[in-house]
C-alpha atoms as a PDB file:
ATOM      1  CA  UNK A   1      99.051 194.716 242.583  1.00  0.00           C
ATOM      2  CA  UNK A   2     102.646 193.694 241.918  1.00  0.00           C
ATOM      3  CA  UNK A   3     104.991 195.808 244.052  1.00  0.00           C
ATOM      4  CA  UNK A   4     108.096 196.304 241.869  1.00  0.00           C
ATOM      5  CA  UNK A   5     111.188 197.603 243.629  1.00  0.00           C
ATOM      6  CA  UNK A   6     114.307 199.260 242.232  1.00  0.00           C
ATOM      7  CA  UNK A   7     117.356 197.022 241.909  1.00  0.00           C
ATOM      8  CA  UNK A   8     119.128 197.495 245.239  1.00  0.00           C
ATOM      9  CA  UNK A   9     122.188 195.263 244.846  1.00  0.00           C
ATOM     10  CA  UNK A  10     123.811 192.558 242.781  1.00  0.00           C
ATOM     11  CA  UNK A  11     122.646 190.032 245.370  1.00  0.00           C
ATOM     12  CA  UNK A  12     119.057 191.255 244.988  1.00  0.00           C
ATOM     13  CA  UNK A  13     119.298 190.968 241.208  1.00  0.00           C
ATOM     14  CA  UNK A  14     120.867 187.457 241.344  1.00  0.00           C
ATOM     15  CA  UNK A  15     118.047 186.351 243.657  1.00  0.00           C
ATOM     16  CA  UNK A  16     115.462 187.378 241.071  1.00  0.00           C
ATOM     17  CA  UNK A  17     117.515 185.893 238.202  1.00  0.00           C
ATOM     18  CA  UNK A  18     117.537 182.626 240.204  1.00  0.00           C
ATOM     19  CA  UNK A  19     113.760 182.365 239.761  1.00  0.00           C
ATOM     20  CA  UNK A  20     114.375 181.395 236.137  1.00  0.00           C
ATOM     21  CA  UNK A  21     115.720 177.860 235.605  1.00  0.00           C
ATOM     22  CA  UNK A  22     118.560 177.275 233.193  1.00  0.00           C
ATOM     23  CA  UNK A  23     120.410 174.362 231.744  1.00  0.00           C
ATOM     24  CA  UNK A  24     124.105 173.949 232.412  1.00  0.00           C
ATOM     25  CA  UNK A  25     126.738 173.504 229.737  1.00  0.00           C
ATOM     26  CA  UNK A  26     130.424 172.764 229.589  1.00  0.00           C
ATOM     27  CA  UNK A  27     132.419 174.771 227.050  1.00  0.00           C
ATOM     28  CA  UNK A  28     135.731 172.996 226.476  1.00  0.00           C
ATOM     29  CA  UNK A  29     138.700 172.551 224.157  1.00  0.00           C
ATOM     30  CA  UNK A  30     142.180 171.121 224.091  1.00  0.00           C
ATOM     31  CA  UNK A  31     144.886 173.745 224.432  1.00  0.00           C
ATOM     32  CA  UNK A  32     148.358 172.430 223.645  1.00  0.00           C
ATOM     33  CA  UNK A  33     147.042 168.920 224.303  1.00  0.00           C
ATOM     34  CA  UNK A  34     145.660 169.797 227.751  1.00  0.00           C
ATOM     35  CA  UNK A  35     141.903 169.978 228.456  1.00  0.00           C
ATOM     36  CA  UNK A  36     140.523 173.413 229.342  1.00  0.00           C
ATOM     37  CA  UNK A  37     136.937 174.347 230.011  1.00  0.00           C
ATOM     38  CA  UNK A  38     134.312 176.052 232.078  1.00  0.00           C
ATOM     39  CA  UNK A  39     130.694 175.668 233.139  1.00  0.00           C
ATOM     40  CA  UNK A  40     128.128 178.083 231.715  1.00  0.00           C
ATOM     41  CA  UNK A  41     124.509 178.248 232.880  1.00  0.00           C
ATOM     42  CA  UNK A  42     123.645 181.112 230.561  1.00  0.00           C
ATOM     43  CA  UNK A  43     123.322 178.931 227.460  1.00  0.00           C
ATOM     44  CA  UNK A  44     120.635 179.959 224.970  1.00  0.00           C
ATOM     45  CA  UNK A  45     119.611 178.886 221.499  1.00  0.00           C
ATOM     46  CA  UNK A  46     119.796 181.854 219.131  1.00  0.00           C
ATOM     47  CA  UNK A  47     119.301 181.096 215.438  1.00  0.00           C
ATOM     48  CA  UNK A  48     118.580 178.275 213.001  1.00  0.00           C
ATOM     49  CA  UNK A  49     120.077 180.065 209.980  1.00  0.00           C
ATOM     50  CA  UNK A  50     122.942 180.373 210.621  1.00  0.00           C
ATOM     51  CA  UNK A  51     122.922 177.778 213.415  1.00  0.00           C
ATOM     52  CA  UNK A  52     123.884 179.775 216.525  1.00  0.00           C
ATOM     53  CA  UNK A  53     123.810 179.402 220.299  1.00  0.00           C
ATOM     54  CA  UNK A  54     125.129 181.754 222.952  1.00  0.00           C
ATOM     55  CA  UNK A  55     126.808 181.617 226.330  1.00  0.00           C
ATOM     56  CA  UNK A  56     127.469 184.566 228.599  1.00  0.00           C
ATOM     57  CA  UNK A  57     130.908 184.770 230.170  1.00  0.00           C
ATOM     58  CA  UNK A  58     132.028 187.010 233.020  1.00  0.00           C
ATOM     59  CA  UNK A  59     134.566 189.609 231.938  1.00  0.00           C
ATOM     60  CA  UNK A  60     136.756 188.428 234.819  1.00  0.00           C
ATOM     61  CA  UNK A  61     136.957 184.856 233.468  1.00  0.00           C
ATOM     62  CA  UNK A  62     140.503 183.605 233.079  1.00  0.00           C
ATOM     63  CA  UNK A  63     139.355 180.563 231.086  1.00  0.00           C
ATOM     64  CA  UNK A  64     137.408 182.261 228.281  1.00  0.00           C
ATOM     65  CA  UNK A  65     140.421 184.198 226.927  1.00  0.00           C
ATOM     66  CA  UNK A  66     142.187 180.851 226.504  1.00  0.00           C
ATOM     67  CA  UNK A  67     139.174 179.135 224.861  1.00  0.00           C
ATOM     68  CA  UNK A  68     138.018 181.923 222.544  1.00  0.00           C
ATOM     69  CA  UNK A  69     140.979 181.583 220.180  1.00  0.00           C
ATOM     70  CA  UNK A  70     140.467 177.851 219.569  1.00  0.00           C
ATOM     71  CA  UNK A  71     139.356 176.750 216.095  1.00  0.00           C
ATOM     72  CA  UNK A  72     136.652 174.575 217.657  1.00  0.00           C
ATOM     73  CA  UNK A  73     134.884 174.466 221.008  1.00  0.00           C
ATOM     74  CA  UNK A  74     132.977 171.523 222.384  1.00  0.00           C
ATOM     75  CA  UNK A  75     129.734 172.457 224.098  1.00  0.00           C
ATOM     76  CA  UNK A  76     128.242 169.662 226.217  1.00  0.00           C
ATOM     77  CA  UNK A  77     124.736 170.097 227.661  1.00  0.00           C
ATOM     78  CA  UNK A  78     125.284 168.471 231.041  1.00  0.00           C
ATOM     79  CA  UNK A  79     122.895 165.735 232.174  1.00  0.00           C
ATOM     80  CA  UNK A  80     121.041 165.609 235.493  1.00  0.00           C
ATOM     81  CA  UNK A  81     123.607 163.214 236.960  1.00  0.00           C
ATOM     82  CA  UNK A  82     126.513 165.579 236.204  1.00  0.00           C
ATOM     83  CA  UNK A  83     126.257 168.097 239.047  1.00  0.00           C
ATOM     84  CA  UNK A  84     129.739 167.055 240.268  1.00  0.00           C
ATOM     85  CA  UNK A  85     131.118 167.642 236.761  1.00  0.00           C
ATOM     86  CA  UNK A  86     129.553 171.104 236.765  1.00  0.00           C
ATOM     87  CA  UNK A  87     131.071 171.948 240.145  1.00  0.00           C
ATOM     88  CA  UNK A  88     134.470 170.762 238.941  1.00  0.00           C
ATOM     89  CA  UNK A  89     134.278 172.827 235.739  1.00  0.00           C
ATOM     90  CA  UNK A  90     133.167 175.881 237.731  1.00  0.00           C
ATOM     91  CA  UNK A  91     135.978 175.596 240.276  1.00  0.00           C
ATOM     92  CA  UNK A  92     138.674 178.260 240.448  1.00  0.00           C
ATOM     93  CA  UNK A  93     141.577 175.902 241.102  1.00  0.00           C
ATOM     94  CA  UNK A  94     142.811 172.360 240.722  1.00  0.00           C
ATOM     95  CA  UNK A  95     142.381 169.970 237.833  1.00  0.00           C
ATOM     96  CA  UNK A  96     138.857 170.596 236.525  1.00  0.00           C
ATOM     97  CA  UNK A  97     139.038 167.409 234.432  1.00  0.00           C
ATOM     98  CA  UNK A  98     140.434 165.014 237.084  1.00  0.00           C
ATOM     99  CA  UNK A  99     137.242 162.953 237.419  1.00  0.00           C
ATOM    100  CA  UNK A 100     135.624 163.705 234.068  1.00  0.00           C
ATOM    101  CA  UNK A 101     135.353 161.305 231.154  1.00  0.00           C
ATOM    102  CA  UNK A 102     135.800 163.182 227.911  1.00  0.00           C
ATOM    103  CA  UNK A 103     136.986 162.944 224.350  1.00  0.00           C
ATOM    104  CA  UNK A 104     138.302 165.454 221.871  1.00  0.00           C
ATOM    105  CA  UNK A 105     137.673 165.881 218.165  1.00  0.00           C
ATOM    106  CA  UNK A 106     140.501 166.119 215.661  1.00  0.00           C
ATOM    107  CA  UNK A 107     139.892 169.917 215.663  1.00  0.00           C
ATOM    108  CA  UNK A 108     140.422 170.159 219.432  1.00  0.00           C
ATOM    109  CA  UNK A 109     136.801 170.493 220.580  1.00  0.00           C
ATOM    110  CA  UNK A 110     136.395 168.636 223.866  1.00  0.00           C
ATOM    111  CA  UNK A 111     133.168 166.851 224.811  1.00  0.00           C
ATOM    112  CA  UNK A 112     132.073 165.522 228.217  1.00  0.00           C
ATOM    113  CA  UNK A 113     130.770 161.935 228.107  1.00  0.00           C
ATOM    114  CA  UNK A 114     127.208 161.111 229.233  1.00  0.00           C
ATOM    115  CA  UNK A 115     125.849 164.612 228.503  1.00  0.00           C
ATOM    116  CA  UNK A 116     122.375 165.298 227.074  1.00  0.00           C
ATOM    117  CA  UNK A 117     123.689 166.894 223.879  1.00  0.00           C
ATOM    118  CA  UNK A 118     126.954 167.876 222.218  1.00  0.00           C
ATOM    119  CA  UNK A 119     127.646 170.753 219.829  1.00  0.00           C
ATOM    120  CA  UNK A 120     130.850 171.283 217.874  1.00  0.00           C
ATOM    121  CA  UNK A 121     131.149 175.074 217.616  1.00  0.00           C
ATOM    122  CA  UNK A 122     133.382 177.956 216.685  1.00  0.00           C
ATOM    123  CA  UNK A 123     133.279 181.535 217.888  1.00  0.00           C
ATOM    124  CA  UNK A 124     131.003 183.532 215.578  1.00  0.00           C
ATOM    125  CA  UNK A 125     130.961 186.885 217.392  1.00  0.00           C
ATOM    126  CA  UNK A 126     131.399 188.446 220.814  1.00  0.00           C
ATOM    127  CA  UNK A 127     129.077 191.151 222.098  1.00  0.00           C
ATOM    128  CA  UNK A 128     130.012 193.206 225.185  1.00  0.00           C
ATOM    129  CA  UNK A 129     127.175 193.226 227.723  1.00  0.00           C
ATOM    130  CA  UNK A 130     127.889 194.953 231.024  1.00  0.00           C
ATOM    131  CA  UNK A 131     130.053 192.765 233.254  1.00  0.00           C
ATOM    132  CA  UNK A 132     129.729 189.859 230.797  1.00  0.00           C
ATOM    133  CA  UNK A 133     130.586 189.007 227.207  1.00  0.00           C
ATOM    134  CA  UNK A 134     127.954 187.301 225.065  1.00  0.00           C
ATOM    135  CA  UNK A 135     129.730 184.694 222.982  1.00  0.00           C
ATOM    136  CA  UNK A 136     127.768 183.693 219.895  1.00  0.00           C
ATOM    137  CA  UNK A 137     128.861 180.234 218.779  1.00  0.00           C
ATOM    138  CA  UNK A 138     128.256 178.776 215.323  1.00  0.00           C
ATOM    139  CA  UNK A 139     127.303 175.091 215.337  1.00  0.00           C
ATOM    140  CA  UNK A 140     129.126 172.860 212.833  1.00  0.00           C
ATOM    141  CA  UNK A 141     128.016 169.422 214.051  1.00  0.00           C
ATOM    142  CA  UNK A 142     125.842 168.103 216.847  1.00  0.00           C
ATOM    143  CA  UNK A 143     124.461 165.035 218.557  1.00  0.00           C
ATOM    144  CA  UNK A 144     121.722 164.513 221.154  1.00  0.00           C
ATOM    145  CA  UNK A 145     120.799 161.961 223.805  1.00  0.00           C
ATOM    146  CA  UNK A 146     117.163 163.035 224.363  1.00  0.00           C
ATOM    147  CA  UNK A 147     116.505 160.242 226.873  1.00  0.00           C
ATOM    148  CA  UNK A 148     119.238 161.653 229.125  1.00  0.00           C
ATOM    149  CA  UNK A 149     117.528 164.555 230.988  1.00  0.00           C
ATOM    150  CA  UNK A 150     119.512 167.798 231.360  1.00  0.00           C
ATOM    151  CA  UNK A 151     120.956 169.260 234.538  1.00  0.00           C
ATOM    152  CA  UNK A 152     118.842 172.229 235.657  1.00  0.00           C
ATOM    153  CA  UNK A 153     120.057 175.132 237.801  1.00  0.00           C
ATOM    154  CA  UNK A 154     117.334 177.024 239.672  1.00  0.00           C
ATOM    155  CA  UNK A 155     117.312 178.991 242.905  1.00  0.00           C
ATOM    156  CA  UNK A 156     121.095 178.555 243.303  1.00  0.00           C
ATOM    157  CA  UNK A 157     120.913 174.764 243.311  1.00  0.00           C
ATOM    158  CA  UNK A 158     120.660 171.840 240.926  1.00  0.00           C
ATOM    159  CA  UNK A 159     117.226 170.386 240.198  1.00  0.00           C
ATOM    160  CA  UNK A 160     115.716 167.548 238.224  1.00  0.00           C
ATOM    161  CA  UNK A 161     112.922 167.801 235.714  1.00  0.00           C
ATOM    162  CA  UNK A 162     109.700 166.004 236.597  1.00  0.00           C
ATOM    163  CA  UNK A 163     107.172 164.667 234.142  1.00  0.00           C
ATOM    164  CA  UNK A 164     103.617 165.924 234.585  1.00  0.00           C
END
């Protein structure tokens, strides 16, 4: 029999959430000519018609309020070799883009080089969800590098996919 227990703390809940692997994305844009962005491991495909994906953002984020008003956002699905890029984009201070190679579109979406996929998006809708905001993003253009395996986050650490 499975012995389910009540949620006892945020740490307990995060430990169980960590049993589910997720990809890691970078959500970025140029703001007044300066790169801005953040890492998001709560990326999910949502809809084909209209083409939508989602990321969940903590309500305490200081980056999302700056990104959400941009006409276009670049979403890069980070590749397995980009754990340092993820750490940099998730950092609270310093220049998050110091060691990253990137390029921006004419609309200001910013894309990280060597990722597994890139999506040019705009904010479609925001949905409040507890201590997070679900940002639904509409995809306008995209590109994939399917031979470049994605970065996987599982059990509070980065992992690599293995072929079976």
